[in-house]
Structure formats: structure tokens, C-alpha cells
């Protein structure tokens, strides 16, 4: 049956409303980053204004954001790589050997709010004199990345035919050899999906870095709040800093969206 005309109109209106609700804040953020603080408060200059790059100059020069960009890249990259090294074999073992209890533990780690662990983490890591370093940031980000990677890869491995590995075992390979030579090359799209999502989650993580980072190890989401003072807020600098945080991830997501979708839906095709 073809959809009726009222349904088509409703669907179009709903689609436009959803898109506008998602895109409008991003457009306002980018436009505000190109305005002076005076123009931001002037409603008559919402779209008609003289653009300036002074806010980006403040972000990249005065606020030392180049170092914070490097911090975010290093922490997100290290947390993602380590989580992949640990999570992919773990997900394979849980999928192939039906380790339901271990999978339940991973699910619980995925559900537990990370903020509930900040106080014990801070107490333990401060006694170990690790607060303020990169190591504690990477470990805390892995708490989010590792369960995410295991959760995604378990679904992906469930969708791969086990007969291929059984044939490899018959030919004399061990389980590790079958995983390395057969399963892992076939799961590259899933690994890429899990790695990309892990990197994005780590890049955007705010709470862990707020509590556990130091003056020299702050990541971008935390450094944004340098533009928020007790008496005033530098809205132009704040929006420029937010744009620097957001735009790179948006560009990455646009280029790799098909891989993310294919990797997330691969496990749903089982059977």
C-alpha cells in the first residue's frame, strides 16, 4: 500500500522538525564563533553581521588550545588502541565459547554510570599519585571504550559463520590461529566501527577529564570552561572553542558513516 498524502505531509514535517532541532544549535554555535560578544547579544545581527576570526585567534594562541588538542588526540588514540587490543579478543572468546557470565559483567560495566566511580577512582589514583597524568585519563576512558568495543564486536562475531573456523581447526590451526588468520581479517569493518565510536566517545568525554586531569593534561572539553568566568562569559571564545571540539568529529562521522552503519548492523543479519 502506498502511504496516504496526509501521512506523507506528516512525515515530511516531522523529518524537517527533527533535522532543524539537531542542526540549529550547531549553526548558531558556528555563527556565534564568528561574532563579537556585542553582536551575539544583538538579535538584529543574528544572520547579518561582519564575521571575525578573532575568537579563533584567542582559542589557538592565548588559551594554548594547541596543547589541549594534542592532549585530546593522545588520550583518545591511546584509550582506543588499548581497548581494541583487549576488547576484540575478549569479544571473540565470549561469542565463540558462549561465556554468558563474562558478557553479563561487560553489560553491567556498560550500564553503570561512570560518574558513580569518580570518587573511588580519585581516592585510589590520588594515593598512587597518578591524578593529573595521562595514564589515569587513558585508564578512565577505557572504562567507557572497552565495554563498548566488546558489545559491538560480540554482535559482529555472532554474525560470522563458525564453519570457517571449524574448517581451519580441521586443517590443523589452533583457536588463536583461526582467529588471527580467518576471523580477524573478516571482522575489519566491525573493528573499524568499534574503534571510531570509541575514539568519538573518548574525544567527547568531559567528566573524567574534569576530575582526573591536571593543568598540563586537560583535554578540549574541559579546556572550554576557561572561557566561563565568575563575573562574565566570553561567548565568542566559548563558541569558537566548542566549534574546534565539534567540527573535527562531525567531519570524521560524515566520512565514515557507512562503515559505522554496516558494522553496527552486521550482527543483526545472523541466520
C-alpha atoms as a PDB file:
ATOM      1  CA  UNK A   1       0.000   0.000   0.000  1.00  0.00           C
ATOM      2  CA  UNK A   2       1.167   3.479  -0.855  1.00  0.00           C
ATOM      3  CA  UNK A   3       1.222   5.949   2.034  1.00  0.00           C
ATOM      4  CA  UNK A   4      -1.598   8.474   2.009  1.00  0.00           C
ATOM      5  CA  UNK A   5      -0.999  12.158   1.332  1.00  0.00           C
ATOM      6  CA  UNK A   6      -1.615  13.269   4.961  1.00  0.00           C
ATOM      7  CA  UNK A   7       0.929  10.701   6.130  1.00  0.00           C
ATOM      8  CA  UNK A   8       3.486  11.978   3.611  1.00  0.00           C
ATOM      9  CA  UNK A   9       2.937  15.547   4.826  1.00  0.00           C
ATOM     10  CA  UNK A  10       3.244  14.485   8.459  1.00  0.00           C
ATOM     11  CA  UNK A  11       6.397  12.514   7.701  1.00  0.00           C
ATOM     12  CA  UNK A  12       7.987  15.472   5.894  1.00  0.00           C
ATOM     13  CA  UNK A  13       7.092  17.901   8.692  1.00  0.00           C
ATOM     14  CA  UNK A  14       8.421  15.526  11.356  1.00  0.00           C
ATOM     15  CA  UNK A  15      11.643  14.977   9.408  1.00  0.00           C
ATOM     16  CA  UNK A  16      12.204  18.725   8.978  1.00  0.00           C
ATOM     17  CA  UNK A  17      11.469  19.335  12.675  1.00  0.00           C
ATOM     18  CA  UNK A  18      13.961  16.671  13.796  1.00  0.00           C
ATOM     19  CA  UNK A  19      16.672  17.912  11.424  1.00  0.00           C
ATOM     20  CA  UNK A  20      16.189  21.531  12.483  1.00  0.00           C
ATOM     21  CA  UNK A  21      16.292  20.616  16.184  1.00  0.00           C
ATOM     22  CA  UNK A  22      19.638  18.882  15.612  1.00  0.00           C
ATOM     23  CA  UNK A  23      21.221  21.317  13.160  1.00  0.00           C
ATOM     24  CA  UNK A  24      20.011  24.665  14.564  1.00  0.00           C
ATOM     25  CA  UNK A  25      22.246  24.602  17.694  1.00  0.00           C
ATOM     26  CA  UNK A  26      25.286  23.734  15.547  1.00  0.00           C
ATOM     27  CA  UNK A  27      24.542  26.567  13.118  1.00  0.00           C
ATOM     28  CA  UNK A  28      24.084  29.019  15.999  1.00  0.00           C
ATOM     29  CA  UNK A  29      27.359  27.843  17.568  1.00  0.00           C
ATOM     30  CA  UNK A  30      29.333  28.344  14.354  1.00  0.00           C
ATOM     31  CA  UNK A  31      27.748  31.748  13.644  1.00  0.00           C
ATOM     32  CA  UNK A  32      28.369  32.911  17.225  1.00  0.00           C
ATOM     33  CA  UNK A  33      32.019  31.876  16.944  1.00  0.00           C
ATOM     34  CA  UNK A  34      32.360  34.385  14.084  1.00  0.00           C
ATOM     35  CA  UNK A  35      30.796  37.285  16.013  1.00  0.00           C
ATOM     36  CA  UNK A  36      31.964  39.677  18.675  1.00  0.00           C
ATOM     37  CA  UNK A  37      30.336  39.426  22.092  1.00  0.00           C
ATOM     38  CA  UNK A  38      28.345  42.592  21.312  1.00  0.00           C
ATOM     39  CA  UNK A  39      26.968  41.111  18.086  1.00  0.00           C
ATOM     40  CA  UNK A  40      25.992  37.885  19.850  1.00  0.00           C
ATOM     41  CA  UNK A  41      23.617  39.773  22.141  1.00  0.00           C
ATOM     42  CA  UNK A  42      22.209  41.854  19.253  1.00  0.00           C
ATOM     43  CA  UNK A  43      19.179  39.979  17.853  1.00  0.00           C
ATOM     44  CA  UNK A  44      19.173  42.180  14.733  1.00  0.00           C
ATOM     45  CA  UNK A  45      22.561  40.725  13.794  1.00  0.00           C
ATOM     46  CA  UNK A  46      21.545  37.098  14.052  1.00  0.00           C
ATOM     47  CA  UNK A  47      22.442  36.474  10.410  1.00  0.00           C
ATOM     48  CA  UNK A  48      23.595  39.867   9.140  1.00  0.00           C
ATOM     49  CA  UNK A  49      26.940  40.706  10.754  1.00  0.00           C
ATOM     50  CA  UNK A  50      30.599  41.280   9.949  1.00  0.00           C
ATOM     51  CA  UNK A  51      32.396  37.954  10.579  1.00  0.00           C
ATOM     52  CA  UNK A  52      35.633  37.933  12.531  1.00  0.00           C
ATOM     53  CA  UNK A  53      38.211  35.253  13.314  1.00  0.00           C
ATOM     54  CA  UNK A  54      39.443  36.935  16.499  1.00  0.00           C
ATOM     55  CA  UNK A  55      37.722  34.331  18.663  1.00  0.00           C
ATOM     56  CA  UNK A  56      39.630  31.528  16.941  1.00  0.00           C
ATOM     57  CA  UNK A  57      42.840  33.507  17.387  1.00  0.00           C
ATOM     58  CA  UNK A  58      42.112  33.698  21.105  1.00  0.00           C
ATOM     59  CA  UNK A  59      41.436  29.968  21.248  1.00  0.00           C
ATOM     60  CA  UNK A  60      44.532  28.874  19.343  1.00  0.00           C
ATOM     61  CA  UNK A  61      47.012  31.429  20.704  1.00  0.00           C
ATOM     62  CA  UNK A  62      46.095  32.894  24.080  1.00  0.00           C
ATOM     63  CA  UNK A  63      44.309  29.851  25.501  1.00  0.00           C
ATOM     64  CA  UNK A  64      47.042  27.386  24.471  1.00  0.00           C
ATOM     65  CA  UNK A  65      44.495  25.165  22.749  1.00  0.00           C
ATOM     66  CA  UNK A  66      47.069  23.528  20.515  1.00  0.00           C
ATOM     67  CA  UNK A  67      48.380  21.672  23.572  1.00  0.00           C
ATOM     68  CA  UNK A  68      44.848  20.728  24.626  1.00  0.00           C
ATOM     69  CA  UNK A  69      44.107  19.418  21.122  1.00  0.00           C
ATOM     70  CA  UNK A  70      47.223  17.265  21.382  1.00  0.00           C
ATOM     71  CA  UNK A  71      46.093  16.019  24.805  1.00  0.00           C
ATOM     72  CA  UNK A  72      42.677  15.020  23.465  1.00  0.00           C
ATOM     73  CA  UNK A  73      44.187  13.272  20.452  1.00  0.00           C
ATOM     74  CA  UNK A  74      46.691  11.328  22.545  1.00  0.00           C
ATOM     75  CA  UNK A  75      44.224  10.245  25.238  1.00  0.00           C
ATOM     76  CA  UNK A  76      41.522   9.245  22.722  1.00  0.00           C
ATOM     77  CA  UNK A  77      44.005   7.414  20.487  1.00  0.00           C
ATOM     78  CA  UNK A  78      45.717   5.541  23.332  1.00  0.00           C
ATOM     79  CA  UNK A  79      42.433   4.584  25.022  1.00  0.00           C
ATOM     80  CA  UNK A  80      41.011   3.362  21.700  1.00  0.00           C
ATOM     81  CA  UNK A  81      44.057   1.296  20.707  1.00  0.00           C
ATOM     82  CA  UNK A  82      44.408  -0.344  24.121  1.00  0.00           C
ATOM     83  CA  UNK A  83      40.674  -1.050  24.269  1.00  0.00           C
ATOM     84  CA  UNK A  84      40.801  -2.676  20.827  1.00  0.00           C
ATOM     85  CA  UNK A  85      43.794  -4.825  21.797  1.00  0.00           C
ATOM     86  CA  UNK A  86      41.939  -6.096  24.879  1.00  0.00           C
ATOM     87  CA  UNK A  87      38.330  -5.926  23.704  1.00  0.00           C
ATOM     88  CA  UNK A  88      38.439  -7.678  20.324  1.00  0.00           C
ATOM     89  CA  UNK A  89      39.909 -10.986  21.620  1.00  0.00           C
ATOM     90  CA  UNK A  90      37.614 -10.792  24.657  1.00  0.00           C
ATOM     91  CA  UNK A  91      34.551 -10.323  22.456  1.00  0.00           C
ATOM     92  CA  UNK A  92      35.639 -13.250  20.254  1.00  0.00           C
ATOM     93  CA  UNK A  93      36.026 -15.538  23.269  1.00  0.00           C
ATOM     94  CA  UNK A  94      32.628 -14.549  24.702  1.00  0.00           C
ATOM     95  CA  UNK A  95      30.950 -15.056  21.333  1.00  0.00           C
ATOM     96  CA  UNK A  96      32.513 -18.345  20.309  1.00  0.00           C
ATOM     97  CA  UNK A  97      32.689 -20.058  23.716  1.00  0.00           C
ATOM     98  CA  UNK A  98      29.290 -18.846  24.985  1.00  0.00           C
ATOM     99  CA  UNK A  99      30.688 -17.066  28.049  1.00  0.00           C
ATOM    100  CA  UNK A 100      27.393 -15.607  29.267  1.00  0.00           C
ATOM    101  CA  UNK A 101      28.591 -14.619  32.730  1.00  0.00           C
ATOM    102  CA  UNK A 102      31.500 -12.628  31.338  1.00  0.00           C
ATOM    103  CA  UNK A 103      29.168 -10.989  28.828  1.00  0.00           C
ATOM    104  CA  UNK A 104      26.874 -10.052  31.729  1.00  0.00           C
ATOM    105  CA  UNK A 105      29.782  -8.374  33.521  1.00  0.00           C
ATOM    106  CA  UNK A 106      30.568  -6.365  30.378  1.00  0.00           C
ATOM    107  CA  UNK A 107      26.922  -5.355  30.081  1.00  0.00           C
ATOM    108  CA  UNK A 108      26.887  -4.216  33.710  1.00  0.00           C
ATOM    109  CA  UNK A 109      30.035  -2.147  33.116  1.00  0.00           C
ATOM    110  CA  UNK A 110      28.297  -0.627  30.091  1.00  0.00           C
ATOM    111  CA  UNK A 111      25.209   0.276  32.132  1.00  0.00           C
ATOM    112  CA  UNK A 112      26.850   1.588  35.324  1.00  0.00           C
ATOM    113  CA  UNK A 113      27.214   5.397  35.182  1.00  0.00           C
ATOM    114  CA  UNK A 114      30.879   6.298  35.076  1.00  0.00           C
ATOM    115  CA  UNK A 115      30.294   9.294  37.342  1.00  0.00           C
ATOM    116  CA  UNK A 116      29.457   6.908  40.205  1.00  0.00           C
ATOM    117  CA  UNK A 117      33.055   5.650  40.112  1.00  0.00           C
ATOM    118  CA  UNK A 118      34.766   9.036  40.089  1.00  0.00           C
ATOM    119  CA  UNK A 119      35.050   9.348  43.874  1.00  0.00           C
ATOM    120  CA  UNK A 120      36.687   5.918  44.459  1.00  0.00           C
ATOM    121  CA  UNK A 121      38.835   6.420  41.375  1.00  0.00           C
ATOM    122  CA  UNK A 122      40.034   9.786  42.614  1.00  0.00           C
ATOM    123  CA  UNK A 123      40.768   8.362  46.057  1.00  0.00           C
ATOM    124  CA  UNK A 124      42.749   5.398  44.681  1.00  0.00           C
ATOM    125  CA  UNK A 125      44.644   7.291  41.989  1.00  0.00           C
ATOM    126  CA  UNK A 126      45.442  10.214  44.282  1.00  0.00           C
ATOM    127  CA  UNK A 127      47.001   7.817  46.798  1.00  0.00           C
ATOM    128  CA  UNK A 128      49.024   6.374  43.920  1.00  0.00           C
ATOM    129  CA  UNK A 129      49.990   9.943  42.921  1.00  0.00           C
ATOM    130  CA  UNK A 130      48.609   9.399  39.426  1.00  0.00           C
ATOM    131  CA  UNK A 131      45.988  12.167  39.319  1.00  0.00           C
ATOM    132  CA  UNK A 132      46.900  14.783  36.733  1.00  0.00           C
ATOM    133  CA  UNK A 133      48.777  12.410  34.415  1.00  0.00           C
ATOM    134  CA  UNK A 134      47.926  10.870  31.081  1.00  0.00           C
ATOM    135  CA  UNK A 135      47.851   7.319  32.438  1.00  0.00           C
ATOM    136  CA  UNK A 136      44.860   7.874  34.703  1.00  0.00           C
ATOM    137  CA  UNK A 137      42.961   9.644  31.909  1.00  0.00           C
ATOM    138  CA  UNK A 138      43.587   6.786  29.477  1.00  0.00           C
ATOM    139  CA  UNK A 139      42.524   4.167  32.042  1.00  0.00           C
ATOM    140  CA  UNK A 140      39.346   6.058  32.906  1.00  0.00           C
ATOM    141  CA  UNK A 141      38.427   6.498  29.246  1.00  0.00           C
ATOM    142  CA  UNK A 142      38.971   2.779  28.717  1.00  0.00           C
ATOM    143  CA  UNK A 143      36.178   2.147  31.218  1.00  0.00           C
ATOM    144  CA  UNK A 144      33.808   3.548  28.576  1.00  0.00           C
ATOM    145  CA  UNK A 145      35.622   2.359  25.453  1.00  0.00           C
ATOM    146  CA  UNK A 146      36.321  -1.258  26.417  1.00  0.00           C
ATOM    147  CA  UNK A 147      32.722  -2.364  27.154  1.00  0.00           C
ATOM    148  CA  UNK A 148      31.551  -0.517  24.034  1.00  0.00           C
ATOM    149  CA  UNK A 149      34.048  -2.352  21.832  1.00  0.00           C
ATOM    150  CA  UNK A 150      33.234  -5.734  23.396  1.00  0.00           C
ATOM    151  CA  UNK A 151      29.499  -5.108  22.993  1.00  0.00           C
ATOM    152  CA  UNK A 152      29.844  -4.173  19.299  1.00  0.00           C
ATOM    153  CA  UNK A 153      32.290  -6.927  18.397  1.00  0.00           C
ATOM    154  CA  UNK A 154      30.278  -9.678  20.108  1.00  0.00           C
ATOM    155  CA  UNK A 155      27.387  -8.922  17.782  1.00  0.00           C
ATOM    156  CA  UNK A 156      29.729  -8.852  14.814  1.00  0.00           C
ATOM    157  CA  UNK A 157      31.368 -12.173  15.667  1.00  0.00           C
ATOM    158  CA  UNK A 158      27.944 -13.747  16.204  1.00  0.00           C
ATOM    159  CA  UNK A 159      27.138 -12.860  12.594  1.00  0.00           C
ATOM    160  CA  UNK A 160      30.230 -14.567  11.160  1.00  0.00           C
ATOM    161  CA  UNK A 161      29.821 -18.236  10.198  1.00  0.00           C
ATOM    162  CA  UNK A 162      31.578 -20.526  12.644  1.00  0.00           C
ATOM    163  CA  UNK A 163      32.055 -23.118   9.874  1.00  0.00           C
ATOM    164  CA  UNK A 164      35.047 -21.170   8.534  1.00  0.00           C
ATOM    165  CA  UNK A 165      36.876 -21.514  11.835  1.00  0.00           C
ATOM    166  CA  UNK A 166      35.871 -25.154  12.177  1.00  0.00           C
ATOM    167  CA  UNK A 167      37.403 -25.852   8.767  1.00  0.00           C
ATOM    168  CA  UNK A 168      40.585 -24.088   9.864  1.00  0.00           C
ATOM    169  CA  UNK A 169      40.691 -26.234  13.028  1.00  0.00           C
ATOM    170  CA  UNK A 170      40.360 -29.352  10.907  1.00  0.00           C
ATOM    171  CA  UNK A 171      43.315 -28.161   8.831  1.00  0.00           C
ATOM    172  CA  UNK A 172      45.438 -28.033  11.984  1.00  0.00           C
ATOM    173  CA  UNK A 173      45.133 -24.444  13.179  1.00  0.00           C
ATOM    174  CA  UNK A 174      44.611 -23.635  16.835  1.00  0.00           C
ATOM    175  CA  UNK A 175      41.770 -21.412  18.024  1.00  0.00           C
ATOM    176  CA  UNK A 176      44.209 -18.493  18.204  1.00  0.00           C
ATOM    177  CA  UNK A 177      45.479 -19.235  14.701  1.00  0.00           C
ATOM    178  CA  UNK A 178      41.941 -19.465  13.328  1.00  0.00           C
ATOM    179  CA  UNK A 179      41.087 -16.161  14.975  1.00  0.00           C
ATOM    180  CA  UNK A 180      44.205 -14.449  13.650  1.00  0.00           C
ATOM    181  CA  UNK A 181      44.086 -15.818  10.089  1.00  0.00           C
ATOM    182  CA  UNK A 182      40.351 -16.256   9.437  1.00  0.00           C
ATOM    183  CA  UNK A 183      38.107 -14.322  11.803  1.00  0.00           C
ATOM    184  CA  UNK A 184      40.114 -11.168  12.375  1.00  0.00           C
ATOM    185  CA  UNK A 185      40.544 -10.276   8.658  1.00  0.00           C
ATOM    186  CA  UNK A 186      36.804 -10.796   8.130  1.00  0.00           C
ATOM    187  CA  UNK A 187      35.947  -8.557  11.090  1.00  0.00           C
ATOM    188  CA  UNK A 188      37.907  -5.492   9.941  1.00  0.00           C
ATOM    189  CA  UNK A 189      34.708  -3.460   9.279  1.00  0.00           C
ATOM    190  CA  UNK A 190      33.469  -4.211  12.788  1.00  0.00           C
ATOM    191  CA  UNK A 191      36.836  -3.344  14.320  1.00  0.00           C
ATOM    192  CA  UNK A 192      36.855  -0.068  12.397  1.00  0.00           C
ATOM    193  CA  UNK A 193      33.346   0.749  13.606  1.00  0.00           C
ATOM    194  CA  UNK A 194      34.175  -0.031  17.224  1.00  0.00           C
ATOM    195  CA  UNK A 195      37.408   1.969  17.024  1.00  0.00           C
ATOM    196  CA  UNK A 196      35.730   5.022  15.502  1.00  0.00           C
ATOM    197  CA  UNK A 197      32.924   5.065  18.064  1.00  0.00           C
ATOM    198  CA  UNK A 198      35.412   4.531  20.880  1.00  0.00           C
ATOM    199  CA  UNK A 199      37.524   7.444  19.667  1.00  0.00           C
ATOM    200  CA  UNK A 200      34.457   9.700  19.434  1.00  0.00           C
ATOM    201  CA  UNK A 201      33.276   8.800  22.939  1.00  0.00           C
ATOM    202  CA  UNK A 202      36.758   9.378  24.342  1.00  0.00           C
ATOM    203  CA  UNK A 203      37.171  12.678  22.478  1.00  0.00           C
ATOM    204  CA  UNK A 204      33.875  13.986  23.904  1.00  0.00           C
ATOM    205  CA  UNK A 205      34.400  12.695  27.449  1.00  0.00           C
ATOM    206  CA  UNK A 206      34.150  15.529  29.937  1.00  0.00           C
ATOM    207  CA  UNK A 207      33.549  14.318  33.478  1.00  0.00           C
ATOM    208  CA  UNK A 208      36.571  12.010  33.826  1.00  0.00           C
ATOM    209  CA  UNK A 209      38.974  14.634  32.485  1.00  0.00           C
ATOM    210  CA  UNK A 210      37.420  17.343  34.672  1.00  0.00           C
ATOM    211  CA  UNK A 211      38.188  15.410  37.865  1.00  0.00           C
ATOM    212  CA  UNK A 212      41.334  13.467  36.963  1.00  0.00           C
ATOM    213  CA  UNK A 213      43.311  15.759  34.638  1.00  0.00           C
ATOM    214  CA  UNK A 214      45.906  18.368  35.569  1.00  0.00           C
ATOM    215  CA  UNK A 215      46.752  21.816  34.253  1.00  0.00           C
ATOM    216  CA  UNK A 216      49.003  20.382  31.539  1.00  0.00           C
ATOM    217  CA  UNK A 217      46.864  17.337  30.676  1.00  0.00           C
ATOM    218  CA  UNK A 218      43.464  18.959  30.217  1.00  0.00           C
ATOM    219  CA  UNK A 219      41.501  17.785  27.220  1.00  0.00           C
ATOM    220  CA  UNK A 220      39.431  20.042  24.973  1.00  0.00           C
ATOM    221  CA  UNK A 221      36.021  19.532  26.617  1.00  0.00           C
ATOM    222  CA  UNK A 222      37.486  20.643  29.951  1.00  0.00           C
ATOM    223  CA  UNK A 223      39.522  23.494  28.454  1.00  0.00           C
ATOM    224  CA  UNK A 224      36.350  25.037  27.038  1.00  0.00           C
ATOM    225  CA  UNK A 225      35.374  26.143  30.524  1.00  0.00           C
ATOM    226  CA  UNK A 226      38.349  28.504  30.651  1.00  0.00           C
ATOM    227  CA  UNK A 227      36.050  30.953  28.870  1.00  0.00           C
ATOM    228  CA  UNK A 228      33.471  30.782  31.669  1.00  0.00           C
ATOM    229  CA  UNK A 229      34.318  33.204  34.478  1.00  0.00           C
ATOM    230  CA  UNK A 230      32.660  34.087  37.760  1.00  0.00           C
ATOM    231  CA  UNK A 231      31.563  37.531  36.588  1.00  0.00           C
ATOM    232  CA  UNK A 232      31.178  37.106  32.823  1.00  0.00           C
ATOM    233  CA  UNK A 233      31.278  34.614  29.966  1.00  0.00           C
ATOM    234  CA  UNK A 234      33.280  35.085  26.791  1.00  0.00           C
ATOM    235  CA  UNK A 235      30.582  33.725  24.489  1.00  0.00           C
ATOM    236  CA  UNK A 236      32.584  34.300  21.325  1.00  0.00           C
ATOM    237  CA  UNK A 237      35.613  32.413  22.607  1.00  0.00           C
ATOM    238  CA  UNK A 238      33.383  29.733  24.147  1.00  0.00           C
ATOM    239  CA  UNK A 239      31.601  29.093  20.848  1.00  0.00           C
ATOM    240  CA  UNK A 240      34.897  29.091  18.925  1.00  0.00           C
ATOM    241  CA  UNK A 241      36.334  26.535  21.347  1.00  0.00           C
ATOM    242  CA  UNK A 242      33.182  24.419  21.087  1.00  0.00           C
ATOM    243  CA  UNK A 243      33.460  24.548  17.290  1.00  0.00           C
ATOM    244  CA  UNK A 244      37.072  23.367  17.457  1.00  0.00           C
ATOM    245  CA  UNK A 245      35.900  20.399  19.556  1.00  0.00           C
ATOM    246  CA  UNK A 246      32.829  19.557  17.475  1.00  0.00           C
ATOM    247  CA  UNK A 247      33.709  20.097  13.811  1.00  0.00           C
ATOM    248  CA  UNK A 248      36.565  17.511  13.534  1.00  0.00           C
ATOM    249  CA  UNK A 249      34.344  14.768  14.958  1.00  0.00           C
ATOM    250  CA  UNK A 250      31.466  15.786  12.675  1.00  0.00           C
ATOM    251  CA  UNK A 251      33.744  15.596   9.637  1.00  0.00           C
ATOM    252  CA  UNK A 252      35.035  12.169  10.679  1.00  0.00           C
ATOM    253  CA  UNK A 253      31.487  10.926  11.257  1.00  0.00           C
ATOM    254  CA  UNK A 254      30.346  12.134   7.820  1.00  0.00           C
ATOM    255  CA  UNK A 255      33.179  10.334   6.036  1.00  0.00           C
ATOM    256  CA  UNK A 256      32.864   7.042   7.916  1.00  0.00           C
ATOM    257  CA  UNK A 257      29.097   6.880   8.468  1.00  0.00           C
ATOM    258  CA  UNK A 258      28.602   3.994   6.042  1.00  0.00           C
ATOM    259  CA  UNK A 259      31.235   1.931   7.847  1.00  0.00           C
ATOM    260  CA  UNK A 260      29.620   2.697  11.205  1.00  0.00           C
ATOM    261  CA  UNK A 261      26.180   1.658   9.982  1.00  0.00           C
ATOM    262  CA  UNK A 262      27.451  -1.512   8.293  1.00  0.00           C
ATOM    263  CA  UNK A 263      29.463  -2.501  11.351  1.00  0.00           C
ATOM    264  CA  UNK A 264      26.586  -1.899  13.775  1.00  0.00           C
ATOM    265  CA  UNK A 265      24.063  -3.845  11.675  1.00  0.00           C
ATOM    266  CA  UNK A 266      26.331  -6.770  10.726  1.00  0.00           C
ATOM    267  CA  UNK A 267      25.409  -8.811  13.784  1.00  0.00           C
ATOM    268  CA  UNK A 268      21.704  -8.385  13.051  1.00  0.00           C
ATOM    269  CA  UNK A 269      21.972 -10.478   9.873  1.00  0.00           C
ATOM    270  CA  UNK A 270      22.764 -13.703  11.672  1.00  0.00           C
ATOM    271  CA  UNK A 271      20.637 -16.589  10.437  1.00  0.00           C
END
